[in-house]
Amino acid sequence: MLNRKKTREINVLGTRNVIAACIAAGVARLVYTSTYNVVFGGVPISNGSELLPYYPAEKHVDKYSASKTVAEQLGEERHFPRIVRSMNRLQSRGLARAAGATL
């Protein structure tokens, strides 16, 4: 079982710290790996795209997905548009490389 406080610290506060460091260093782009759960509310998605609205964080049944939703929105607020939503780590690495990130 996930520790609710630790999950929020890592995903939300950790993301906030990374964004602050990027801004301080003048970084223009950030590749943030996320999860499809930020738009998935338990109903199958048909013809989905990156334009799907966020599933409300308070409606998520698990704290991990809720924390990723909040963290992803932090990146958008700071105009870091490169968000990679994937289903596994290998996909994240491939998509991040395709977006121009050095891993």
PDB file of N, CA and C in Angstrom:
ATOM      1  N   MET A   1       0.835  -1.180   0.000  1.00  0.00           N
ATOM      2  CA  MET A   1       0.000   0.000   0.000  1.00  0.00           C
ATOM      3  C   MET A   1       0.885   1.251   0.000  1.00  0.00           C
ATOM      4  N   LEU A   2       0.518   2.206  -0.823  1.00  0.00           N
ATOM      5  CA  LEU A   2       1.294   3.430  -0.923  1.00  0.00           C
ATOM      6  C   LEU A   2       1.102   4.316   0.299  1.00  0.00           C
ATOM      7  N   ASN A   3       2.177   4.944   0.696  1.00  0.00           N
ATOM      8  CA  ASN A   3       2.130   5.921   1.779  1.00  0.00           C
ATOM      9  C   ASN A   3       1.641   7.234   1.176  1.00  0.00           C
ATOM     10  N   ARG A   4       0.473   7.672   1.590  1.00  0.00           N
ATOM     11  CA  ARG A   4      -0.174   8.853   1.017  1.00  0.00           C
ATOM     12  C   ARG A   4       0.717  10.098   1.092  1.00  0.00           C
ATOM     13  N   LYS A   5       1.304  10.343   2.245  1.00  0.00           N
ATOM     14  CA  LYS A   5       2.141  11.521   2.431  1.00  0.00           C
ATOM     15  C   LYS A   5       3.396  11.452   1.556  1.00  0.00           C
ATOM     16  N   LYS A   6       4.050  10.297   1.536  1.00  0.00           N
ATOM     17  CA  LYS A   6       5.273  10.132   0.747  1.00  0.00           C
ATOM     18  C   LYS A   6       4.984  10.261  -0.748  1.00  0.00           C
ATOM     19  N   THR A   7       3.859   9.701  -1.187  1.00  0.00           N
ATOM     20  CA  THR A   7       3.468   9.798  -2.599  1.00  0.00           C
ATOM     21  C   THR A   7       3.309  11.255  -3.014  1.00  0.00           C
ATOM     22  N   ARG A   8       2.647  12.039  -2.177  1.00  0.00           N
ATOM     23  CA  ARG A   8       2.467  13.461  -2.487  1.00  0.00           C
ATOM     24  C   ARG A   8       3.800  14.199  -2.451  1.00  0.00           C
ATOM     25  N   GLU A   9       4.637  13.900  -1.464  1.00  0.00           N
ATOM     26  CA  GLU A   9       5.947  14.556  -1.370  1.00  0.00           C
ATOM     27  C   GLU A   9       6.763  14.320  -2.631  1.00  0.00           C
ATOM     28  N   ILE A  10       6.799  13.079  -3.078  1.00  0.00           N
ATOM     29  CA  ILE A  10       7.615  12.741  -4.248  1.00  0.00           C
ATOM     30  C   ILE A  10       7.030  13.331  -5.522  1.00  0.00           C
ATOM     31  N   ASN A  11       5.747  13.097  -5.757  1.00  0.00           N
ATOM     32  CA  ASN A  11       5.157  13.497  -7.036  1.00  0.00           C
ATOM     33  C   ASN A  11       4.829  14.980  -7.133  1.00  0.00           C
ATOM     34  N   VAL A  12       4.285  15.561  -6.097  1.00  0.00           N
ATOM     35  CA  VAL A  12       3.888  16.969  -6.174  1.00  0.00           C
ATOM     36  C   VAL A  12       5.021  17.889  -5.736  1.00  0.00           C
ATOM     37  N   LEU A  13       5.516  17.706  -4.533  1.00  0.00           N
ATOM     38  CA  LEU A  13       6.587  18.588  -4.056  1.00  0.00           C
ATOM     39  C   LEU A  13       7.878  18.371  -4.840  1.00  0.00           C
ATOM     40  N   GLY A  14       8.173  17.131  -5.191  1.00  0.00           N
ATOM     41  CA  GLY A  14       9.356  16.842  -6.000  1.00  0.00           C
ATOM     42  C   GLY A  14       9.281  17.511  -7.358  1.00  0.00           C
ATOM     43  N   THR A  15       8.114  17.440  -7.985  1.00  0.00           N
ATOM     44  CA  THR A  15       7.923  18.097  -9.283  1.00  0.00           C
ATOM     45  C   THR A  15       8.050  19.608  -9.137  1.00  0.00           C
ATOM     46  N   ARG A  16       7.474  20.154  -8.088  1.00  0.00           N
ATOM     47  CA  ARG A  16       7.580  21.596  -7.841  1.00  0.00           C
ATOM     48  C   ARG A  16       9.053  22.002  -7.715  1.00  0.00           C
ATOM     49  N   ASN A  17       9.860  21.197  -7.019  1.00  0.00           N
ATOM     50  CA  ASN A  17      11.293  21.488  -6.855  1.00  0.00           C
ATOM     51  C   ASN A  17      12.041  21.409  -8.181  1.00  0.00           C
ATOM     52  N   VAL A  18      11.713  20.408  -8.986  1.00  0.00           N
ATOM     53  CA  VAL A  18      12.370  20.275 -10.297  1.00  0.00           C
ATOM     54  C   VAL A  18      12.023  21.468 -11.172  1.00  0.00           C
ATOM     55  N   ILE A  19      10.772  21.875 -11.179  1.00  0.00           N
ATOM     56  CA  ILE A  19      10.356  23.026 -11.979  1.00  0.00           C
ATOM     57  C   ILE A  19      11.069  24.291 -11.509  1.00  0.00           C
ATOM     58  N   ALA A  20      11.155  24.485 -10.205  1.00  0.00           N
ATOM     59  CA  ALA A  20      11.856  25.666  -9.665  1.00  0.00           C
ATOM     60  C   ALA A  20      13.322  25.661 -10.079  1.00  0.00           C
ATOM     61  N   ALA A  21      13.958  24.491 -10.039  1.00  0.00           N
ATOM     62  CA  ALA A  21      15.365  24.386 -10.446  1.00  0.00           C
ATOM     63  C   ALA A  21      15.513  24.697 -11.931  1.00  0.00           C
ATOM     64  N   CYS A  22      14.578  24.227 -12.750  1.00  0.00           N
ATOM     65  CA  CYS A  22      14.627  24.508 -14.189  1.00  0.00           C
ATOM     66  C   CYS A  22      14.501  26.003 -14.455  1.00  0.00           C
ATOM     67  N   ILE A  23      13.578  26.630 -13.770  1.00  0.00           N
ATOM     68  CA  ILE A  23      13.382  28.077 -13.946  1.00  0.00           C
ATOM     69  C   ILE A  23      14.635  28.835 -13.517  1.00  0.00           C
ATOM     70  N   ALA A  24      15.189  28.462 -12.374  1.00  0.00           N
ATOM     71  CA  ALA A  24      16.396  29.133 -11.866  1.00  0.00           C
ATOM     72  C   ALA A  24      17.574  28.969 -12.814  1.00  0.00           C
ATOM     73  N   ALA A  25      17.637  27.832 -13.499  1.00  0.00           N
ATOM     74  CA  ALA A  25      18.753  27.562 -14.407  1.00  0.00           C
ATOM     75  C   ALA A  25      18.469  28.019 -15.840  1.00  0.00           C
ATOM     76  N   GLY A  26      17.301  28.566 -16.075  1.00  0.00           N
ATOM     77  CA  GLY A  26      16.965  29.043 -17.414  1.00  0.00           C
ATOM     78  C   GLY A  26      16.633  27.932 -18.394  1.00  0.00           C
ATOM     79  N   VAL A  27      16.219  26.791 -17.884  1.00  0.00           N
ATOM     80  CA  VAL A  27      15.860  25.655 -18.745  1.00  0.00           C
ATOM     81  C   VAL A  27      14.533  25.967 -19.434  1.00  0.00           C
ATOM     82  N   ALA A  28      14.501  25.791 -20.740  1.00  0.00           N
ATOM     83  CA  ALA A  28      13.308  26.119 -21.508  1.00  0.00           C
ATOM     84  C   ALA A  28      12.334  24.957 -21.641  1.00  0.00           C
ATOM     85  N   ARG A  29      12.842  23.724 -21.554  1.00  0.00           N
ATOM     86  CA  ARG A  29      11.979  22.563 -21.743  1.00  0.00           C
ATOM     87  C   ARG A  29      12.230  21.526 -20.666  1.00  0.00           C
ATOM     88  N   LEU A  30      11.177  20.850 -20.309  1.00  0.00           N
ATOM     89  CA  LEU A  30      11.250  19.793 -19.315  1.00  0.00           C
ATOM     90  C   LEU A  30      10.427  18.617 -19.819  1.00  0.00           C
ATOM     91  N   VAL A  31      11.024  17.449 -19.868  1.00  0.00           N
ATOM     92  CA  VAL A  31      10.273  16.242 -20.212  1.00  0.00           C
ATOM     93  C   VAL A  31       9.855  15.602 -18.902  1.00  0.00           C
ATOM     94  N   TYR A  32       8.578  15.554 -18.683  1.00  0.00           N
ATOM     95  CA  TYR A  32       8.014  15.031 -17.447  1.00  0.00           C
ATOM     96  C   TYR A  32       7.262  13.743 -17.769  1.00  0.00           C
ATOM     97  N   THR A  33       7.667  12.648 -17.181  1.00  0.00           N
ATOM     98  CA  THR A  33       6.948  11.401 -17.443  1.00  0.00           C
ATOM     99  C   THR A  33       5.806  11.263 -16.453  1.00  0.00           C
ATOM    100  N   SER A  34       4.673  10.917 -16.988  1.00  0.00           N
ATOM    101  CA  SER A  34       3.471  10.835 -16.179  1.00  0.00           C
ATOM    102  C   SER A  34       2.765   9.507 -16.448  1.00  0.00           C
ATOM    103  N   THR A  35       1.489   9.472 -16.225  1.00  0.00           N
ATOM    104  CA  THR A  35       0.701   8.260 -16.397  1.00  0.00           C
ATOM    105  C   THR A  35      -0.607   8.588 -17.094  1.00  0.00           C
ATOM    106  N   TYR A  36      -1.094   7.631 -17.837  1.00  0.00           N
ATOM    107  CA  TYR A  36      -2.381   7.837 -18.500  1.00  0.00           C
ATOM    108  C   TYR A  36      -3.508   7.999 -17.486  1.00  0.00           C
ATOM    109  N   ASN A  37      -3.271   7.623 -16.249  1.00  0.00           N
ATOM    110  CA  ASN A  37      -4.311   7.730 -15.222  1.00  0.00           C
ATOM    111  C   ASN A  37      -4.751   9.167 -14.973  1.00  0.00           C
ATOM    112  N   VAL A  38      -3.966  10.154 -15.393  1.00  0.00           N
ATOM    113  CA  VAL A  38      -4.360  11.546 -15.167  1.00  0.00           C
ATOM    114  C   VAL A  38      -5.590  11.934 -15.988  1.00  0.00           C
ATOM    115  N   VAL A  39      -5.898  11.163 -17.017  1.00  0.00           N
ATOM    116  CA  VAL A  39      -7.091  11.420 -17.833  1.00  0.00           C
ATOM    117  C   VAL A  39      -8.077  10.254 -17.788  1.00  0.00           C
ATOM    118  N   PHE A  40      -7.731   9.196 -17.108  1.00  0.00           N
ATOM    119  CA  PHE A  40      -8.540   7.973 -17.083  1.00  0.00           C
ATOM    120  C   PHE A  40      -9.333   7.892 -15.790  1.00  0.00           C
ATOM    121  N   GLY A  41     -10.634   7.795 -15.914  1.00  0.00           N
ATOM    122  CA  GLY A  41     -11.485   7.703 -14.745  1.00  0.00           C
ATOM    123  C   GLY A  41     -12.203   6.376 -14.624  1.00  0.00           C
ATOM    124  N   GLY A  42     -11.626   5.329 -15.189  1.00  0.00           N
ATOM    125  CA  GLY A  42     -12.236   4.012 -15.096  1.00  0.00           C
ATOM    126  C   GLY A  42     -13.146   3.677 -16.259  1.00  0.00           C
ATOM    127  N   VAL A  43     -13.341   4.620 -17.153  1.00  0.00           N
ATOM    128  CA  VAL A  43     -14.170   4.394 -18.336  1.00  0.00           C
ATOM    129  C   VAL A  43     -13.235   4.303 -19.537  1.00  0.00           C
ATOM    130  N   PRO A  44     -13.413   3.294 -20.395  1.00  0.00           N
ATOM    131  CA  PRO A  44     -12.530   3.176 -21.562  1.00  0.00           C
ATOM    132  C   PRO A  44     -12.479   4.472 -22.379  1.00  0.00           C
ATOM    133  N   ILE A  45     -11.288   4.805 -22.844  1.00  0.00           N
ATOM    134  CA  ILE A  45     -11.088   5.998 -23.660  1.00  0.00           C
ATOM    135  C   ILE A  45     -11.109   5.578 -25.125  1.00  0.00           C
ATOM    136  N   SER A  46     -11.958   6.212 -25.896  1.00  0.00           N
ATOM    137  CA  SER A  46     -12.064   5.918 -27.319  1.00  0.00           C
ATOM    138  C   SER A  46     -11.679   7.179 -28.090  1.00  0.00           C
ATOM    139  N   ASN A  47     -10.796   7.028 -29.073  1.00  0.00           N
ATOM    140  CA  ASN A  47     -10.336   8.159 -29.888  1.00  0.00           C
ATOM    141  C   ASN A  47      -9.729   9.274 -29.033  1.00  0.00           C
ATOM    142  N   GLY A  48      -8.984   8.888 -28.021  1.00  0.00           N
ATOM    143  CA  GLY A  48      -8.366   9.866 -27.137  1.00  0.00           C
ATOM    144  C   GLY A  48      -7.165  10.543 -27.779  1.00  0.00           C
ATOM    145  N   SER A  49      -6.816  11.678 -27.243  1.00  0.00           N
ATOM    146  CA  SER A  49      -5.623  12.399 -27.696  1.00  0.00           C
ATOM    147  C   SER A  49      -5.028  13.123 -26.490  1.00  0.00           C
ATOM    148  N   GLU A  50      -3.937  13.827 -26.732  1.00  0.00           N
ATOM    149  CA  GLU A  50      -3.305  14.584 -25.655  1.00  0.00           C
ATOM    150  C   GLU A  50      -4.156  15.767 -25.214  1.00  0.00           C
ATOM    151  N   LEU A  51      -5.260  16.002 -25.882  1.00  0.00           N
ATOM    152  CA  LEU A  51      -6.147  17.110 -25.526  1.00  0.00           C
ATOM    153  C   LEU A  51      -7.239  16.700 -24.540  1.00  0.00           C
ATOM    154  N   LEU A  52      -7.251  15.434 -24.134  1.00  0.00           N
ATOM    155  CA  LEU A  52      -8.250  15.001 -23.158  1.00  0.00           C
ATOM    156  C   LEU A  52      -8.105  15.812 -21.875  1.00  0.00           C
ATOM    157  N   PRO A  53      -9.224  16.176 -21.259  1.00  0.00           N
ATOM    158  CA  PRO A  53      -9.138  16.923 -19.999  1.00  0.00           C
ATOM    159  C   PRO A  53      -8.667  16.026 -18.859  1.00  0.00           C
ATOM    160  N   TYR A  54      -8.121  16.640 -17.840  1.00  0.00           N
ATOM    161  CA  TYR A  54      -7.699  15.880 -16.663  1.00  0.00           C
ATOM    162  C   TYR A  54      -8.904  15.304 -15.950  1.00  0.00           C
ATOM    163  N   TYR A  55      -8.731  14.101 -15.431  1.00  0.00           N
ATOM    164  CA  TYR A  55      -9.729  13.542 -14.532  1.00  0.00           C
ATOM    165  C   TYR A  55      -9.506  14.253 -13.197  1.00  0.00           C
ATOM    166  N   PRO A  56     -10.560  14.758 -12.558  1.00  0.00           N
ATOM    167  CA  PRO A  56     -10.363  15.531 -11.319  1.00  0.00           C
ATOM    168  C   PRO A  56      -9.584  14.756 -10.257  1.00  0.00           C
ATOM    169  N   ALA A  57      -8.564  15.372  -9.727  1.00  0.00           N
ATOM    170  CA  ALA A  57      -7.689  14.723  -8.744  1.00  0.00           C
ATOM    171  C   ALA A  57      -8.483  14.189  -7.553  1.00  0.00           C
ATOM    172  N   GLU A  58      -9.475  14.932  -7.116  1.00  0.00           N
ATOM    173  CA  GLU A  58     -10.249  14.505  -5.944  1.00  0.00           C
ATOM    174  C   GLU A  58     -11.153  13.306  -6.225  1.00  0.00           C
ATOM    175  N   LYS A  59     -11.340  12.951  -7.495  1.00  0.00           N
ATOM    176  CA  LYS A  59     -12.182  11.802  -7.835  1.00  0.00           C
ATOM    177  C   LYS A  59     -11.389  10.516  -8.050  1.00  0.00           C
ATOM    178  N   HIS A  60     -10.066  10.615  -8.121  1.00  0.00           N
ATOM    179  CA  HIS A  60      -9.250   9.410  -8.298  1.00  0.00           C
ATOM    180  C   HIS A  60      -9.433   8.484  -7.104  1.00  0.00           C
ATOM    181  N   VAL A  61      -9.467   7.198  -7.372  1.00  0.00           N
ATOM    182  CA  VAL A  61      -9.621   6.227  -6.281  1.00  0.00           C
ATOM    183  C   VAL A  61      -8.286   5.913  -5.613  1.00  0.00           C
ATOM    184  N   ASP A  62      -7.188   6.290  -6.247  1.00  0.00           N
ATOM    185  CA  ASP A  62      -5.879   6.049  -5.640  1.00  0.00           C
ATOM    186  C   ASP A  62      -5.095   7.352  -5.567  1.00  0.00           C
ATOM    187  N   LYS A  63      -4.283   7.468  -4.543  1.00  0.00           N
ATOM    188  CA  LYS A  63      -3.535   8.700  -4.290  1.00  0.00           C
ATOM    189  C   LYS A  63      -2.389   8.909  -5.272  1.00  0.00           C
ATOM    190  N   TYR A  64      -1.857   7.832  -5.839  1.00  0.00           N
ATOM    191  CA  TYR A  64      -0.784   7.975  -6.823  1.00  0.00           C
ATOM    192  C   TYR A  64      -1.293   8.752  -8.037  1.00  0.00           C
ATOM    193  N   SER A  65      -2.410   8.313  -8.604  1.00  0.00           N
ATOM    194  CA  SER A  65      -2.958   8.980  -9.790  1.00  0.00           C
ATOM    195  C   SER A  65      -3.337  10.422  -9.482  1.00  0.00           C
ATOM    196  N   ALA A  66      -3.919  10.645  -8.314  1.00  0.00           N
ATOM    197  CA  ALA A  66      -4.288  12.009  -7.924  1.00  0.00           C
ATOM    198  C   ALA A  66      -3.045  12.896  -7.831  1.00  0.00           C
ATOM    199  N   SER A  67      -1.977  12.369  -7.245  1.00  0.00           N
ATOM    200  CA  SER A  67      -0.757  13.175  -7.103  1.00  0.00           C
ATOM    201  C   SER A  67      -0.108  13.446  -8.456  1.00  0.00           C
ATOM    202  N   LYS A  68      -0.164  12.500  -9.380  1.00  0.00           N
ATOM    203  CA  LYS A  68       0.398  12.719 -10.712  1.00  0.00           C
ATOM    204  C   LYS A  68      -0.419  13.760 -11.479  1.00  0.00           C
ATOM    205  N   THR A  69      -1.736  13.772 -11.262  1.00  0.00           N
ATOM    206  CA  THR A  69      -2.581  14.778 -11.904  1.00  0.00           C
ATOM    207  C   THR A  69      -2.181  16.175 -11.440  1.00  0.00           C
ATOM    208  N   VAL A  70      -2.034  16.353 -10.138  1.00  0.00           N
ATOM    209  CA  VAL A  70      -1.645  17.653  -9.584  1.00  0.00           C
ATOM    210  C   VAL A  70      -0.252  18.042 -10.082  1.00  0.00           C
ATOM    211  N   ALA A  71       0.686  17.101 -10.061  1.00  0.00           N
ATOM    212  CA  ALA A  71       2.060  17.391 -10.475  1.00  0.00           C
ATOM    213  C   ALA A  71       2.131  17.763 -11.953  1.00  0.00           C
ATOM    214  N   GLU A  72       1.389  17.052 -12.792  1.00  0.00           N
ATOM    215  CA  GLU A  72       1.400  17.351 -14.227  1.00  0.00           C
ATOM    216  C   GLU A  72       0.847  18.756 -14.487  1.00  0.00           C
ATOM    217  N   GLN A  73      -0.157  19.130 -13.765  1.00  0.00           N
ATOM    218  CA  GLN A  73      -0.733  20.458 -13.939  1.00  0.00           C
ATOM    219  C   GLN A  73       0.244  21.552 -13.508  1.00  0.00           C
ATOM    220  N   LEU A  74       1.109  21.264 -12.547  1.00  0.00           N
ATOM    221  CA  LEU A  74       2.147  22.228 -12.153  1.00  0.00           C
ATOM    222  C   LEU A  74       3.051  22.537 -13.342  1.00  0.00           C
ATOM    223  N   GLY A  75       3.422  21.494 -14.089  1.00  0.00           N
ATOM    224  CA  GLY A  75       4.270  21.682 -15.265  1.00  0.00           C
ATOM    225  C   GLY A  75       3.594  22.532 -16.318  1.00  0.00           C
ATOM    226  N   GLU A  76       2.318  22.309 -16.519  1.00  0.00           N
ATOM    227  CA  GLU A  76       1.585  23.102 -17.504  1.00  0.00           C
ATOM    228  C   GLU A  76       1.466  24.559 -17.065  1.00  0.00           C
ATOM    229  N   GLU A  77       1.264  24.787 -15.778  1.00  0.00           N
ATOM    230  CA  GLU A  77       1.163  26.156 -15.272  1.00  0.00           C
ATOM    231  C   GLU A  77       2.437  26.942 -15.547  1.00  0.00           C
ATOM    232  N   ARG A  78       3.568  26.268 -15.550  1.00  0.00           N
ATOM    233  CA  ARG A  78       4.859  26.933 -15.792  1.00  0.00           C
ATOM    234  C   ARG A  78       5.275  26.851 -17.255  1.00  0.00           C
ATOM    235  N   HIS A  79       4.359  26.426 -18.098  1.00  0.00           N
ATOM    236  CA  HIS A  79       4.566  26.376 -19.543  1.00  0.00           C
ATOM    237  C   HIS A  79       5.672  25.417 -19.967  1.00  0.00           C
ATOM    238  N   PHE A  80       5.751  24.284 -19.285  1.00  0.00           N
ATOM    239  CA  PHE A  80       6.623  23.202 -19.706  1.00  0.00           C
ATOM    240  C   PHE A  80       5.721  22.173 -20.391  1.00  0.00           C
ATOM    241  N   PRO A  81       5.575  22.259 -21.704  1.00  0.00           N
ATOM    242  CA  PRO A  81       4.570  21.458 -22.393  1.00  0.00           C
ATOM    243  C   PRO A  81       4.942  20.008 -22.700  1.00  0.00           C
ATOM    244  N   ARG A  82       6.172  19.601 -22.506  1.00  0.00           N
ATOM    245  CA  ARG A  82       6.570  18.250 -22.888  1.00  0.00           C
ATOM    246  C   ARG A  82       6.216  17.251 -21.795  1.00  0.00           C
ATOM    247  N   ILE A  83       5.023  16.747 -21.843  1.00  0.00           N
ATOM    248  CA  ILE A  83       4.577  15.763 -20.876  1.00  0.00           C
ATOM    249  C   ILE A  83       4.394  14.440 -21.605  1.00  0.00           C
ATOM    250  N   VAL A  84       5.015  13.411 -21.084  1.00  0.00           N
ATOM    251  CA  VAL A  84       4.937  12.085 -21.689  1.00  0.00           C
ATOM    252  C   VAL A  84       4.099  11.205 -20.773  1.00  0.00           C
ATOM    253  N   ARG A  85       2.961  10.770 -21.268  1.00  0.00           N
ATOM    254  CA  ARG A  85       2.122   9.846 -20.510  1.00  0.00           C
ATOM    255  C   ARG A  85       2.316   8.470 -21.106  1.00  0.00           C
ATOM    256  N   SER A  86       2.689   7.537 -20.277  1.00  0.00           N
ATOM    257  CA  SER A  86       2.917   6.210 -20.816  1.00  0.00           C
ATOM    258  C   SER A  86       2.453   5.138 -19.850  1.00  0.00           C
ATOM    259  N   MET A  87       2.551   3.908 -20.323  1.00  0.00           N
ATOM    260  CA  MET A  87       2.093   2.787 -19.527  1.00  0.00           C
ATOM    261  C   MET A  87       3.228   2.055 -18.844  1.00  0.00           C
ATOM    262  N   ASN A  88       4.452   2.263 -19.291  1.00  0.00           N
ATOM    263  CA  ASN A  88       5.585   1.612 -18.627  1.00  0.00           C
ATOM    264  C   ASN A  88       6.860   2.414 -18.838  1.00  0.00           C
ATOM    265  N   ARG A  89       7.851   2.092 -18.064  1.00  0.00           N
ATOM    266  CA  ARG A  89       9.108   2.842 -18.068  1.00  0.00           C
ATOM    267  C   ARG A  89       9.820   2.785 -19.416  1.00  0.00           C
ATOM    268  N   LEU A  90       9.797   1.656 -20.087  1.00  0.00           N
ATOM    269  CA  LEU A  90      10.483   1.556 -21.377  1.00  0.00           C
ATOM    270  C   LEU A  90       9.848   2.482 -22.396  1.00  0.00           C
ATOM    271  N   GLN A  91       8.535   2.570 -22.391  1.00  0.00           N
ATOM    272  CA  GLN A  91       7.884   3.509 -23.299  1.00  0.00           C
ATOM    273  C   GLN A  91       8.274   4.938 -22.951  1.00  0.00           C
ATOM    274  N   SER A  92       8.337   5.256 -21.670  1.00  0.00           N
ATOM    275  CA  SER A  92       8.707   6.606 -21.249  1.00  0.00           C
ATOM    276  C   SER A  92      10.074   6.984 -21.780  1.00  0.00           C
ATOM    277  N   ARG A  93      11.038   6.080 -21.674  1.00  0.00           N
ATOM    278  CA  ARG A  93      12.389   6.378 -22.147  1.00  0.00           C
ATOM    279  C   ARG A  93      12.403   6.621 -23.650  1.00  0.00           C
ATOM    280  N   GLY A  94      11.712   5.776 -24.415  1.00  0.00           N
ATOM    281  CA  GLY A  94      11.674   5.939 -25.861  1.00  0.00           C
ATOM    282  C   GLY A  94      10.998   7.232 -26.270  1.00  0.00           C
ATOM    283  N   LEU A  95       9.895   7.566 -25.624  1.00  0.00           N
ATOM    284  CA  LEU A  95       9.185   8.790 -25.946  1.00  0.00           C
ATOM    285  C   LEU A  95       9.960  10.023 -25.520  1.00  0.00           C
ATOM    286  N   ALA A  96      10.636   9.945 -24.400  1.00  0.00           N
ATOM    287  CA  ALA A  96      11.441  11.072 -23.951  1.00  0.00           C
ATOM    288  C   ALA A  96      12.580  11.332 -24.932  1.00  0.00           C
ATOM    289  N   ARG A  97      13.201  10.266 -25.399  1.00  0.00           N
ATOM    290  CA  ARG A  97      14.286  10.430 -26.397  1.00  0.00           C
ATOM    291  C   ARG A  97      13.718  11.059 -27.677  1.00  0.00           C
ATOM    292  N   ALA A  98      12.524  10.603 -28.081  1.00  0.00           N
ATOM    293  CA  ALA A  98      11.912  11.154 -29.279  1.00  0.00           C
ATOM    294  C   ALA A  98      11.595  12.648 -29.119  1.00  0.00           C
ATOM    295  N   ALA A  99      11.350  13.072 -27.874  1.00  0.00           N
ATOM    296  CA  ALA A  99      11.065  14.479 -27.597  1.00  0.00           C
ATOM    297  C   ALA A  99      12.331  15.314 -27.491  1.00  0.00           C
ATOM    298  N   GLY A 100      13.492  14.666 -27.617  1.00  0.00           N
ATOM    299  CA  GLY A 100      14.752  15.406 -27.605  1.00  0.00           C
ATOM    300  C   GLY A 100      15.475  15.419 -26.276  1.00  0.00           C
ATOM    301  N   ALA A 101      15.077  14.568 -25.350  1.00  0.00           N
ATOM    302  CA  ALA A 101      15.735  14.536 -24.040  1.00  0.00           C
ATOM    303  C   ALA A 101      16.951  13.639 -24.080  1.00  0.00           C
ATOM    304  N   THR A 102      17.932  13.968 -23.290  1.00  0.00           N
ATOM    305  CA  THR A 102      19.105  13.123 -23.116  1.00  0.00           C
ATOM    306  C   THR A 102      18.949  12.384 -21.800  1.00  0.00           C
ATOM    307  N   LEU A 103      18.913  11.058 -21.867  1.00  0.00           N
ATOM    308  CA  LEU A 103      18.739  10.250 -20.662  1.00  0.00           C
ATOM    309  C   LEU A 103      20.027   9.585 -20.280  1.00  0.00           C
TER     310      LEU A 103
END
